[in-house]
Amino acid sequence: MLSEIIDDIIERLAAASIFPVYSAFDARSLDRKGSGFFTVVGISSFESSQPIYSPYTVYIPFKTELELSITAPQGSTAEELYNFYDTGIAPVIFDMSGLTCRLSKMSIKTDSSISRLVLGVKLSASGITKIGRSNV
């Protein structure tokens, strides 16, 4: 279920022309992620609730903490990095159907190993996933 949530976010960002976006499970080295803006999507916590059963579907409510890490190109300003998030990523995340999100934390730092600014964003999200039931 975690991979499905991350993959859905990556697909929606790609559909909005936000490239490249990687999963936190992607083991690709930093030098292969490019020199422009790039985003990494992960999940730091996940909690599911009691399933709700219907004749053909099982609904599973969940709460999760999404973590986005947006790395700016070398020489970018904090304003450019925030603008990239505000105009490109935030509208996509907050408009996802089936997922209710709220911003819980945002921080910016310089990654000294690559001399680039990184914006860390934590989002509290909740939703319901559904799974079809078999007739067995």
C-alpha atoms as a PDB file:
ATOM      1  CA  MET A   1       0.000   0.000   0.000  1.00  0.00           C
ATOM      2  CA  LEU A   2       2.891   2.398   0.748  1.00  0.00           C
ATOM      3  CA  SER A   3       4.385   1.955  -2.696  1.00  0.00           C
ATOM      4  CA  GLU A   4       0.968   2.530  -4.265  1.00  0.00           C
ATOM      5  CA  ILE A   5       0.577   5.865  -2.465  1.00  0.00           C
ATOM      6  CA  ILE A   6       4.076   6.996  -3.467  1.00  0.00           C
ATOM      7  CA  ASP A   7       3.598   5.814  -7.068  1.00  0.00           C
ATOM      8  CA  ASP A   8       0.276   7.678  -7.298  1.00  0.00           C
ATOM      9  CA  ILE A   9       1.925  10.919  -6.149  1.00  0.00           C
ATOM     10  CA  ILE A  10       4.802  10.436  -8.616  1.00  0.00           C
ATOM     11  CA  GLU A  11       2.352   9.809 -11.490  1.00  0.00           C
ATOM     12  CA  ARG A  12       0.285  12.895 -10.667  1.00  0.00           C
ATOM     13  CA  LEU A  13       3.376  15.100 -10.418  1.00  0.00           C
ATOM     14  CA  ALA A  14       4.617  13.741 -13.753  1.00  0.00           C
ATOM     15  CA  ALA A  15       1.211  14.481 -15.305  1.00  0.00           C
ATOM     16  CA  ALA A  16       1.664  18.091 -14.118  1.00  0.00           C
ATOM     17  CA  SER A  17       5.116  18.217 -15.797  1.00  0.00           C
ATOM     18  CA  ILE A  18       7.076  18.054 -12.530  1.00  0.00           C
ATOM     19  CA  PHE A  19      10.221  16.097 -13.448  1.00  0.00           C
ATOM     20  CA  PRO A  20      12.098  14.200 -12.235  1.00  0.00           C
ATOM     21  CA  VAL A  21      10.391  12.664  -9.211  1.00  0.00           C
ATOM     22  CA  TYR A  22      11.776   9.618  -7.407  1.00  0.00           C
ATOM     23  CA  SER A  23      10.510   7.251  -4.749  1.00  0.00           C
ATOM     24  CA  ALA A  24      12.334   7.169  -1.431  1.00  0.00           C
ATOM     25  CA  PHE A  25      12.786   3.464  -2.186  1.00  0.00           C
ATOM     26  CA  ASP A  26      14.799   4.320  -5.331  1.00  0.00           C
ATOM     27  CA  ALA A  27      18.450   3.479  -4.699  1.00  0.00           C
ATOM     28  CA  ARG A  28      19.670   5.654  -7.578  1.00  0.00           C
ATOM     29  CA  SER A  29      22.754   7.653  -6.587  1.00  0.00           C
ATOM     30  CA  LEU A  30      22.531  11.415  -6.283  1.00  0.00           C
ATOM     31  CA  ASP A  31      24.767  12.059  -9.277  1.00  0.00           C
ATOM     32  CA  ARG A  32      22.283  10.138 -11.475  1.00  0.00           C
ATOM     33  CA  LYS A  33      19.309  12.257 -10.337  1.00  0.00           C
ATOM     34  CA  GLY A  34      20.388  15.283 -12.346  1.00  0.00           C
ATOM     35  CA  SER A  35      21.613  18.786 -11.788  1.00  0.00           C
ATOM     36  CA  GLY A  36      18.210  20.527 -11.996  1.00  0.00           C
ATOM     37  CA  PHE A  37      15.311  20.449  -9.566  1.00  0.00           C
ATOM     38  CA  PHE A  38      14.349  16.963  -8.442  1.00  0.00           C
ATOM     39  CA  THR A  39      11.885  15.641  -5.890  1.00  0.00           C
ATOM     40  CA  VAL A  40      11.946  12.537  -3.694  1.00  0.00           C
ATOM     41  CA  VAL A  41       8.655  11.239  -2.263  1.00  0.00           C
ATOM     42  CA  GLY A  42       8.580   9.060   0.849  1.00  0.00           C
ATOM     43  CA  ILE A  43       6.424   8.036   3.786  1.00  0.00           C
ATOM     44  CA  SER A  44       7.639   8.365   7.362  1.00  0.00           C
ATOM     45  CA  SER A  45       4.634   6.821   9.116  1.00  0.00           C
ATOM     46  CA  PHE A  46       1.494   4.920   8.208  1.00  0.00           C
ATOM     47  CA  GLU A  47      -1.559   3.833  10.190  1.00  0.00           C
ATOM     48  CA  SER A  48      -4.602   2.005   8.901  1.00  0.00           C
ATOM     49  CA  SER A  49      -7.969   1.765  10.635  1.00  0.00           C
ATOM     50  CA  GLN A  50     -10.592  -0.943  10.905  1.00  0.00           C
ATOM     51  CA  PRO A  51     -11.592  -2.127   7.406  1.00  0.00           C
ATOM     52  CA  ILE A  52     -15.130  -1.505   6.206  1.00  0.00           C
ATOM     53  CA  TYR A  53     -16.626  -4.431   4.306  1.00  0.00           C
ATOM     54  CA  SER A  54     -19.233  -4.266   1.579  1.00  0.00           C
ATOM     55  CA  PRO A  55     -20.382  -7.178  -0.583  1.00  0.00           C
ATOM     56  CA  TYR A  56     -17.802  -6.519  -3.326  1.00  0.00           C
ATOM     57  CA  THR A  57     -15.211  -4.174  -1.794  1.00  0.00           C
ATOM     58  CA  VAL A  58     -13.106  -3.716   1.325  1.00  0.00           C
ATOM     59  CA  TYR A  59     -12.448  -0.073   2.252  1.00  0.00           C
ATOM     60  CA  ILE A  60      -9.407   0.652   4.414  1.00  0.00           C
ATOM     61  CA  PRO A  61      -9.129   4.133   5.974  1.00  0.00           C
ATOM     62  CA  PHE A  62      -5.557   5.295   6.596  1.00  0.00           C
ATOM     63  CA  LYS A  63      -3.439   8.150   7.919  1.00  0.00           C
ATOM     64  CA  THR A  64       0.118   8.782   6.785  1.00  0.00           C
ATOM     65  CA  GLU A  65       2.963  11.265   6.985  1.00  0.00           C
ATOM     66  CA  LEU A  66       4.278  12.063   3.523  1.00  0.00           C
ATOM     67  CA  GLU A  67       7.796  13.408   3.157  1.00  0.00           C
ATOM     68  CA  LEU A  68       8.869  15.376   0.121  1.00  0.00           C
ATOM     69  CA  SER A  69      12.451  16.400  -0.413  1.00  0.00           C
ATOM     70  CA  ILE A  70      12.933  18.948  -3.191  1.00  0.00           C
ATOM     71  CA  THR A  71      16.529  19.616  -4.248  1.00  0.00           C
ATOM     72  CA  ALA A  72      17.319  22.796  -6.161  1.00  0.00           C
ATOM     73  CA  PRO A  73      19.981  23.250  -8.824  1.00  0.00           C
ATOM     74  CA  GLN A  74      23.326  24.553  -7.635  1.00  0.00           C
ATOM     75  CA  GLY A  75      23.258  28.343  -7.305  1.00  0.00           C
ATOM     76  CA  SER A  76      19.466  28.547  -6.788  1.00  0.00           C
ATOM     77  CA  THR A  77      18.011  30.827  -4.149  1.00  0.00           C
ATOM     78  CA  ALA A  78      15.611  29.860  -1.371  1.00  0.00           C
ATOM     79  CA  GLU A  79      12.956  31.946  -3.107  1.00  0.00           C
ATOM     80  CA  GLU A  80      13.318  29.922  -6.323  1.00  0.00           C
ATOM     81  CA  LEU A  81      13.066  26.668  -4.369  1.00  0.00           C
ATOM     82  CA  TYR A  82       9.936  27.770  -2.461  1.00  0.00           C
ATOM     83  CA  ASN A  83       8.412  29.028  -5.715  1.00  0.00           C
ATOM     84  CA  PHE A  84       9.041  25.658  -7.395  1.00  0.00           C
ATOM     85  CA  TYR A  85       7.181  23.944  -4.543  1.00  0.00           C
ATOM     86  CA  ASP A  86       4.363  26.513  -4.278  1.00  0.00           C
ATOM     87  CA  THR A  87       3.554  26.771  -7.970  1.00  0.00           C
ATOM     88  CA  GLY A  88       4.302  23.227  -9.136  1.00  0.00           C
ATOM     89  CA  ILE A  89       4.130  20.623  -6.409  1.00  0.00           C
ATOM     90  CA  ALA A  90       1.727  21.967  -3.749  1.00  0.00           C
ATOM     91  CA  PRO A  91      -1.273  22.437  -6.093  1.00  0.00           C
ATOM     92  CA  VAL A  92      -0.932  18.846  -7.333  1.00  0.00           C
ATOM     93  CA  ILE A  93      -0.627  17.331  -3.850  1.00  0.00           C
ATOM     94  CA  PHE A  94      -3.478  19.319  -2.316  1.00  0.00           C
ATOM     95  CA  ASP A  95      -5.784  18.579  -5.273  1.00  0.00           C
ATOM     96  CA  MET A  96      -5.358  14.786  -5.261  1.00  0.00           C
ATOM     97  CA  SER A  97      -8.707  13.049  -5.191  1.00  0.00           C
ATOM     98  CA  GLY A  98      -9.038  10.459  -2.462  1.00  0.00           C
ATOM     99  CA  LEU A  99      -6.306  12.053  -0.323  1.00  0.00           C
ATOM    100  CA  THR A 100      -6.762  14.862   2.191  1.00  0.00           C
ATOM    101  CA  CYS A 101      -3.498  16.641   3.001  1.00  0.00           C
ATOM    102  CA  ARG A 102      -2.327  19.381   5.303  1.00  0.00           C
ATOM    103  CA  LEU A 103       1.128  20.845   5.650  1.00  0.00           C
ATOM    104  CA  SER A 104       2.666  19.906   8.989  1.00  0.00           C
ATOM    105  CA  LYS A 105       6.293  21.013   8.577  1.00  0.00           C
ATOM    106  CA  MET A 106       8.529  22.751   6.081  1.00  0.00           C
ATOM    107  CA  SER A 107      12.245  23.414   6.387  1.00  0.00           C
ATOM    108  CA  ILE A 108      15.068  24.448   4.123  1.00  0.00           C
ATOM    109  CA  LYS A 109      18.720  23.561   4.489  1.00  0.00           C
ATOM    110  CA  THR A 110      21.890  23.447   2.474  1.00  0.00           C
ATOM    111  CA  ASP A 111      23.209  19.974   1.760  1.00  0.00           C
ATOM    112  CA  SER A 112      26.901  20.691   2.171  1.00  0.00           C
ATOM    113  CA  SER A 113      27.951  17.476   0.425  1.00  0.00           C
ATOM    114  CA  ILE A 114      26.451  18.694  -2.877  1.00  0.00           C
ATOM    115  CA  SER A 115      26.296  22.475  -2.209  1.00  0.00           C
ATOM    116  CA  ARG A 116      22.578  22.608  -3.031  1.00  0.00           C
ATOM    117  CA  LEU A 117      19.485  23.803  -1.194  1.00  0.00           C
ATOM    118  CA  VAL A 118      16.983  21.155  -0.122  1.00  0.00           C
ATOM    119  CA  LEU A 119      13.395  21.875   0.905  1.00  0.00           C
ATOM    120  CA  GLY A 120      11.937  19.295   3.272  1.00  0.00           C
ATOM    121  CA  VAL A 121       8.136  19.132   3.401  1.00  0.00           C
ATOM    122  CA  LYS A 122       6.060  16.946   5.730  1.00  0.00           C
ATOM    123  CA  LEU A 123       2.388  16.491   4.997  1.00  0.00           C
ATOM    124  CA  SER A 124      -0.213  14.775   7.141  1.00  0.00           C
ATOM    125  CA  ALA A 125      -2.523  12.894   4.816  1.00  0.00           C
ATOM    126  CA  SER A 126      -5.537  10.654   5.144  1.00  0.00           C
ATOM    127  CA  GLY A 127      -7.635   8.700   2.728  1.00  0.00           C
ATOM    128  CA  ILE A 128      -9.389   5.459   1.976  1.00  0.00           C
ATOM    129  CA  THR A 129      -8.071   2.718  -0.226  1.00  0.00           C
ATOM    130  CA  LYS A 130     -10.348   0.066  -1.659  1.00  0.00           C
ATOM    131  CA  ILE A 131      -9.687  -3.540  -2.514  1.00  0.00           C
ATOM    132  CA  GLY A 132     -12.036  -5.752  -4.502  1.00  0.00           C
ATOM    133  CA  ARG A 133     -13.297  -8.879  -2.742  1.00  0.00           C
ATOM    134  CA  SER A 134     -13.195 -12.235  -4.445  1.00  0.00           C
ATOM    135  CA  ASN A 135     -16.289 -14.417  -4.655  1.00  0.00           C
ATOM    136  CA  VAL A 136     -14.543 -17.421  -3.184  1.00  0.00           C
END
